[in-house]
C-alpha cells in the first residue's frame, strides 16, 4: 500500500490537524484555485459565464448552505 504521508512528520498539533496535511496536496489545491481564477475567465465566453458558471455557483452555494443547516440544532 502506498501511504502518502510517509516521511512528512508533524511537530505540533496544529500542523497535524491541517485540512491538507501533505505539502504536495496544498500546492496542487493552490494551483487548481489559481487556474480557476486566472485561466477560466480568460478562456470562457459570455455564454459560459451567464448560462453555466453563475447558476452552477449559485446552486453549489445553496447546496452547501442547505447541508450545513441540517447539522445545526
N, C-alpha and C. Protein backbone atom coordinates (compact mmCIF):
# COMPACT_ATOMS: atom_id res chain seq x y z
N UNK A 1 0.84 -1.18 0.00
CA UNK A 1 0.00 0.00 0.00
C UNK A 1 0.89 1.24 0.00
N UNK A 2 0.53 2.19 -0.83
CA UNK A 2 1.29 3.43 -0.94
C UNK A 2 0.71 4.45 0.03
N UNK A 3 1.43 4.76 1.08
CA UNK A 3 0.95 5.70 2.08
C UNK A 3 1.63 7.04 1.85
N UNK A 4 0.85 8.05 1.51
CA UNK A 4 1.39 9.32 1.03
C UNK A 4 2.02 10.18 2.11
N UNK A 5 1.62 10.03 3.35
CA UNK A 5 2.17 10.88 4.40
C UNK A 5 3.47 10.34 4.97
N UNK A 6 4.00 9.31 4.39
CA UNK A 6 5.23 8.71 4.87
C UNK A 6 6.39 9.70 4.76
N UNK A 7 7.06 9.95 5.87
CA UNK A 7 8.22 10.83 5.87
C UNK A 7 7.91 12.29 6.09
N UNK A 8 6.64 12.65 6.22
CA UNK A 8 6.28 14.05 6.49
C UNK A 8 5.78 14.13 7.92
N UNK A 9 6.69 14.38 8.83
CA UNK A 9 6.38 14.36 10.24
C UNK A 9 5.94 15.73 10.72
N UNK A 10 4.99 15.75 11.63
CA UNK A 10 4.47 17.00 12.20
C UNK A 10 5.02 17.17 13.61
N UNK A 11 5.27 18.41 13.98
CA UNK A 11 5.83 18.67 15.31
C UNK A 11 4.84 19.36 16.23
N UNK A 12 3.69 19.81 15.71
CA UNK A 12 2.68 20.45 16.55
C UNK A 12 1.31 19.85 16.24
N UNK A 13 0.39 20.01 17.18
CA UNK A 13 -0.97 19.54 16.95
C UNK A 13 -1.64 20.33 15.83
N UNK A 14 -1.35 21.61 15.77
CA UNK A 14 -1.95 22.45 14.73
C UNK A 14 -1.54 21.98 13.34
N UNK A 15 -0.28 21.66 13.16
CA UNK A 15 0.20 21.14 11.88
C UNK A 15 -0.40 19.79 11.56
N UNK A 16 -0.65 19.00 12.59
CA UNK A 16 -1.21 17.66 12.39
C UNK A 16 -2.69 17.70 11.99
N UNK A 17 -3.38 18.77 12.34
CA UNK A 17 -4.82 18.86 12.07
C UNK A 17 -5.16 19.77 10.89
N UNK A 18 -4.24 20.03 10.01
CA UNK A 18 -4.50 20.86 8.85
C UNK A 18 -5.45 20.17 7.89
N UNK A 19 -6.15 20.96 7.08
CA UNK A 19 -7.07 20.40 6.09
C UNK A 19 -6.29 19.62 5.05
N UNK A 20 -5.19 20.18 4.58
CA UNK A 20 -4.32 19.48 3.64
C UNK A 20 -2.97 19.27 4.31
N UNK A 21 -2.81 18.17 5.04
CA UNK A 21 -1.57 17.98 5.79
C UNK A 21 -0.36 17.66 4.92
N UNK A 22 -0.58 17.23 3.69
CA UNK A 22 0.53 16.86 2.82
C UNK A 22 0.90 18.08 1.97
N UNK A 23 2.16 18.41 1.94
CA UNK A 23 2.64 19.60 1.24
C UNK A 23 2.28 19.56 -0.24
N UNK A 24 2.40 18.41 -0.87
CA UNK A 24 2.08 18.30 -2.30
C UNK A 24 0.60 18.56 -2.55
N UNK A 25 -0.27 18.14 -1.64
CA UNK A 25 -1.70 18.41 -1.78
C UNK A 25 -1.99 19.90 -1.68
N UNK A 26 -1.31 20.58 -0.75
CA UNK A 26 -1.51 22.04 -0.63
C UNK A 26 -1.12 22.75 -1.91
N UNK A 27 0.00 22.37 -2.51
CA UNK A 27 0.43 23.01 -3.76
C UNK A 27 -0.54 22.70 -4.90
N UNK A 28 -1.04 21.47 -4.95
CA UNK A 28 -1.97 21.09 -6.00
C UNK A 28 -3.27 21.88 -5.89
N UNK A 29 -3.78 22.05 -4.68
CA UNK A 29 -5.01 22.82 -4.48
C UNK A 29 -4.76 24.29 -4.80
N UNK A 30 -3.61 24.81 -4.41
CA UNK A 30 -3.28 26.20 -4.72
C UNK A 30 -3.21 26.43 -6.23
N UNK A 31 -2.60 25.53 -6.95
CA UNK A 31 -2.53 25.65 -8.42
C UNK A 31 -3.92 25.52 -9.05
N UNK A 32 -4.75 24.65 -8.53
CA UNK A 32 -6.10 24.48 -9.05
C UNK A 32 -6.94 25.74 -8.83
N UNK A 33 -6.83 26.33 -7.66
CA UNK A 33 -7.57 27.57 -7.38
C UNK A 33 -7.04 28.71 -8.24
N UNK A 34 -5.74 28.80 -8.40
CA UNK A 34 -5.16 29.84 -9.25
C UNK A 34 -5.63 29.68 -10.70
N UNK A 35 -5.67 28.46 -11.18
CA UNK A 35 -6.17 28.21 -12.54
C UNK A 35 -7.64 28.59 -12.66
N UNK A 36 -8.42 28.32 -11.62
CA UNK A 36 -9.84 28.66 -11.64
C UNK A 36 -10.05 30.17 -11.70
N UNK A 37 -9.18 30.93 -11.04
CA UNK A 37 -9.34 32.38 -11.02
C UNK A 37 -8.66 33.08 -12.20
N UNK A 38 -7.69 32.45 -12.84
CA UNK A 38 -6.96 33.10 -13.93
C UNK A 38 -7.33 32.52 -15.29
N UNK A 39 -7.26 31.21 -15.44
CA UNK A 39 -7.46 30.59 -16.74
C UNK A 39 -8.93 30.60 -17.17
N UNK A 40 -9.82 30.24 -16.27
CA UNK A 40 -11.24 30.16 -16.64
C UNK A 40 -11.79 31.49 -17.13
N UNK A 41 -11.55 32.62 -16.47
CA UNK A 41 -12.06 33.89 -17.03
C UNK A 41 -11.43 34.27 -18.37
N UNK A 42 -10.20 33.82 -18.60
CA UNK A 42 -9.54 34.17 -19.86
C UNK A 42 -10.10 33.38 -21.04
N UNK A 43 -10.50 32.14 -20.83
CA UNK A 43 -10.92 31.29 -21.94
C UNK A 43 -12.43 31.13 -22.05
N UNK A 44 -13.19 31.58 -21.06
CA UNK A 44 -14.64 31.41 -21.09
C UNK A 44 -15.32 32.53 -21.86
N UNK A 45 -16.40 32.16 -22.52
CA UNK A 45 -17.19 33.14 -23.25
C UNK A 45 -18.26 33.73 -22.33
N UNK A 46 -18.95 34.74 -22.81
CA UNK A 46 -20.02 35.37 -22.05
C UNK A 46 -21.15 34.36 -21.78
N UNK A 47 -21.44 33.52 -22.76
CA UNK A 47 -22.46 32.48 -22.59
C UNK A 47 -22.08 31.53 -21.46
N UNK A 48 -20.81 31.15 -21.42
CA UNK A 48 -20.34 30.22 -20.39
C UNK A 48 -20.55 30.81 -19.01
N UNK A 49 -20.27 32.10 -18.84
CA UNK A 49 -20.47 32.74 -17.54
C UNK A 49 -21.94 32.81 -17.17
N UNK A 50 -22.75 33.36 -18.07
CA UNK A 50 -24.15 33.63 -17.74
C UNK A 50 -25.01 32.38 -17.65
N UNK A 51 -24.80 31.42 -18.50
CA UNK A 51 -25.70 30.27 -18.56
C UNK A 51 -25.21 29.06 -17.78
N UNK A 52 -23.91 28.97 -17.53
CA UNK A 52 -23.39 27.75 -16.91
C UNK A 52 -22.71 28.04 -15.58
N UNK A 53 -21.71 28.91 -15.55
CA UNK A 53 -20.90 29.08 -14.35
C UNK A 53 -21.65 29.77 -13.21
N UNK A 54 -22.37 30.85 -13.50
CA UNK A 54 -23.07 31.57 -12.44
C UNK A 54 -24.18 30.73 -11.83
N UNK A 55 -25.06 30.08 -12.63
CA UNK A 55 -26.05 29.19 -12.00
C UNK A 55 -25.42 28.03 -11.23
N UNK A 56 -24.33 27.48 -11.74
CA UNK A 56 -23.63 26.41 -11.03
C UNK A 56 -23.12 26.90 -9.69
N UNK A 57 -22.56 28.10 -9.65
CA UNK A 57 -22.08 28.68 -8.40
C UNK A 57 -23.23 28.91 -7.43
N UNK A 58 -24.34 29.43 -7.91
CA UNK A 58 -25.49 29.69 -7.05
C UNK A 58 -26.03 28.39 -6.45
N UNK A 59 -26.21 27.37 -7.29
CA UNK A 59 -26.73 26.10 -6.79
C UNK A 59 -25.73 25.41 -5.85
N UNK A 60 -24.44 25.56 -6.11
CA UNK A 60 -23.42 24.97 -5.23
C UNK A 60 -23.46 25.62 -3.86
N UNK A 61 -23.56 26.94 -3.83
CA UNK A 61 -23.63 27.63 -2.54
C UNK A 61 -24.91 27.30 -1.80
N UNK A 62 -26.02 27.16 -2.54
CA UNK A 62 -27.28 26.78 -1.91
C UNK A 62 -27.19 25.37 -1.32
N UNK A 63 -26.55 24.46 -2.02
CA UNK A 63 -26.40 23.09 -1.51
C UNK A 63 -25.51 23.07 -0.27
N UNK A 64 -24.45 23.86 -0.27
CA UNK A 64 -23.59 23.91 0.92
C UNK A 64 -24.34 24.51 2.10
N UNK A 65 -25.10 25.56 1.85
CA UNK A 65 -25.89 26.17 2.92
C UNK A 65 -26.94 25.23 3.45
N UNK A 66 -27.55 24.47 2.57
CA UNK A 66 -28.60 23.53 2.98
C UNK A 66 -28.01 22.36 3.76
N UNK A 67 -26.86 21.86 3.34
CA UNK A 67 -26.26 20.73 4.05
C UNK A 67 -25.76 21.15 5.42
N UNK A 68 -25.27 22.36 5.55
CA UNK A 68 -24.83 22.86 6.85
C UNK A 68 -26.01 23.12 7.78
N UNK A 69 -27.17 23.41 7.21
CA UNK A 69 -28.35 23.69 8.00
C UNK A 69 -28.86 22.44 8.72
N UNK A 70 -28.61 21.26 8.16
CA UNK A 70 -29.10 20.02 8.75
C UNK A 70 -28.40 19.69 10.06
N UNK A 71 -27.20 20.20 10.28
CA UNK A 71 -26.43 19.86 11.47
C UNK A 71 -26.63 20.83 12.61
N UNK A 72 -27.25 21.96 12.34
CA UNK A 72 -27.47 22.95 13.38
C UNK A 72 -28.77 22.60 14.11
N UNK A 73 -28.70 22.54 15.42
CA UNK A 73 -29.91 22.20 16.18
C UNK A 73 -30.29 23.31 17.11
